[in-house]
C-alpha atoms as a PDB file:
ATOM      1  CA  MET A   1       0.000   0.000   0.000  1.00  0.00           C
ATOM      2  CA  SER A   2       1.274   3.493  -0.672  1.00  0.00           C
ATOM      3  CA  ASP A   3       2.446   5.873   2.046  1.00  0.00           C
ATOM      4  CA  LYS A   4      -0.709   7.930   1.586  1.00  0.00           C
ATOM      5  CA  LYS A   5      -3.615   6.230   3.349  1.00  0.00           C
ATOM      6  CA  ASN A   6      -6.617   5.601   1.145  1.00  0.00           C
ATOM      7  CA  THR A   7      -9.892   6.821   2.561  1.00  0.00           C
ATOM      8  CA  TYR A   8     -12.073   5.577  -0.270  1.00  0.00           C
ATOM      9  CA  MET A   9     -11.776   2.593  -2.573  1.00  0.00           C
ATOM     10  CA  ALA A  10     -14.307   1.218  -5.015  1.00  0.00           C
ATOM     11  CA  TYR A  11     -14.256  -2.168  -6.694  1.00  0.00           C
ATOM     12  CA  LEU A  12     -16.469  -4.157  -8.993  1.00  0.00           C
ATOM     13  CA  LEU A  13     -16.634  -7.730  -7.704  1.00  0.00           C
ATOM     14  CA  ARG A  14     -17.482 -10.645  -9.982  1.00  0.00           C
ATOM     15  CA  LEU A  15     -18.100 -14.157  -8.634  1.00  0.00           C
ATOM     16  CA  TRP A  16     -18.960 -17.182 -10.749  1.00  0.00           C
ATOM     17  CA  ARG A  17     -18.677 -20.954 -11.003  1.00  0.00           C
ATOM     18  CA  GLU A  18     -18.494 -23.085 -14.100  1.00  0.00           C
ATOM     19  CA  ASP A  19     -20.865 -25.572 -12.447  1.00  0.00           C
ATOM     20  CA  GLU A  20     -22.226 -26.411  -8.988  1.00  0.00           C
ATOM     21  CA  GLU A  21     -19.231 -28.635  -8.196  1.00  0.00           C
ATOM     22  CA  ALA A  22     -16.602 -26.046  -9.132  1.00  0.00           C
ATOM     23  CA  SER A  23     -14.929 -23.550  -6.801  1.00  0.00           C
ATOM     24  CA  TRP A  24     -15.997 -19.947  -6.932  1.00  0.00           C
ATOM     25  CA  ARG A  25     -13.882 -17.808  -9.211  1.00  0.00           C
ATOM     26  CA  VAL A  26     -13.299 -14.196  -8.260  1.00  0.00           C
ATOM     27  CA  LEU A  27     -12.398 -11.096 -10.254  1.00  0.00           C
ATOM     28  CA  LEU A  28     -11.975  -7.735  -8.567  1.00  0.00           C
ATOM     29  CA  GLU A  29     -11.710  -4.580 -10.677  1.00  0.00           C
ATOM     30  CA  ASN A  30     -10.631  -1.219  -9.313  1.00  0.00           C
ATOM     31  CA  ILE A  31     -13.158   1.176 -10.827  1.00  0.00           C
ATOM     32  CA  HIS A  32     -10.733   4.100 -10.718  1.00  0.00           C
ATOM     33  CA  THR A  33      -7.731   2.465 -12.400  1.00  0.00           C
ATOM     34  CA  ARG A  34      -9.489  -0.436 -14.196  1.00  0.00           C
ATOM     35  CA  GLU A  35      -6.823  -2.751 -12.766  1.00  0.00           C
ATOM     36  CA  ARG A  36      -8.144  -6.298 -12.492  1.00  0.00           C
ATOM     37  CA  LYS A  37      -7.046  -8.914 -10.011  1.00  0.00           C
ATOM     38  CA  GLY A  38      -8.138 -12.529  -9.980  1.00  0.00           C
ATOM     39  CA  PHE A  39      -8.313 -14.803  -6.932  1.00  0.00           C
ATOM     40  CA  SER A  40      -8.478 -18.570  -6.766  1.00  0.00           C
ATOM     41  CA  ASN A  41     -10.631 -18.561  -3.647  1.00  0.00           C
ATOM     42  CA  LEU A  42     -12.554 -16.259  -1.326  1.00  0.00           C
ATOM     43  CA  GLU A  43      -9.909 -16.425   1.409  1.00  0.00           C
ATOM     44  CA  LYS A  44      -7.338 -14.854  -0.933  1.00  0.00           C
ATOM     45  CA  LEU A  45      -9.817 -12.110  -1.835  1.00  0.00           C
ATOM     46  CA  VAL A  46     -10.409 -11.332   1.839  1.00  0.00           C
ATOM     47  CA  ALA A  47      -6.656 -11.326   2.539  1.00  0.00           C
ATOM     48  CA  PHE A  48      -6.139  -8.843  -0.319  1.00  0.00           C
ATOM     49  CA  LEU A  49      -8.886  -6.542   0.999  1.00  0.00           C
ATOM     50  CA  GLU A  50      -7.502  -6.759   4.528  1.00  0.00           C
ATOM     51  CA  ASP A  51      -4.095  -5.782   3.198  1.00  0.00           C
ATOM     52  CA  GLN A  52      -5.532  -2.857   1.238  1.00  0.00           C
ATOM     53  CA  THR A  53      -7.355  -1.534   4.299  1.00  0.00           C
ATOM     54  CA  ASP A  54      -4.719  -2.438   6.913  1.00  0.00           C
ATOM     55  CA  THR A  55      -7.412  -4.538   8.642  1.00  0.00           C
ATOM     56  CA  ARG A  56      -4.975  -7.272   9.646  1.00  0.00           C
ATOM     57  CA  GLU A  57      -2.824  -4.821  11.560  1.00  0.00           C
ATOM     58  CA  ALA A  58      -5.854  -3.273  13.267  1.00  0.00           C
ATOM     59  CA  ALA A  59      -7.204  -6.705  14.195  1.00  0.00           C
ATOM     60  CA  ASP A  60      -3.830  -7.698  15.624  1.00  0.00           C
ATOM     61  CA  ASP A  61      -3.664  -4.460  17.634  1.00  0.00           C
ATOM     62  CA  SER A  62      -7.143  -4.988  19.084  1.00  0.00           C
ATOM     63  CA  ARG A  63      -6.127  -8.431  20.382  1.00  0.00           C
ATOM     64  CA  MET A  64      -3.183  -7.027  22.297  1.00  0.00           C
ATOM     65  CA  THR A  65      -3.749  -6.457  25.988  1.00  0.00           C
ATOM     66  CA  PRO A  66      -2.201  -3.466  27.723  1.00  0.00           C
ATOM     67  CA  THR A  67       0.602  -4.176  30.143  1.00  0.00           C
ATOM     68  CA  SER A  68       0.830  -2.474  33.519  1.00  0.00           C
END
């Protein structure tokens, strides 16, 4: 992520399966830059979004307990 914190992001999310037995396929498109990113599963999509929003770091910080 860049040094400048993003305060707004917009994506077009596409989800599809070739058939009911197949895994979900994911395509995320940044509507500002038109950059497309594919993911092989939903967990990788969520990890990408957490990285883009620094959610992992915030979640880790919230689990920390203050020391006296």
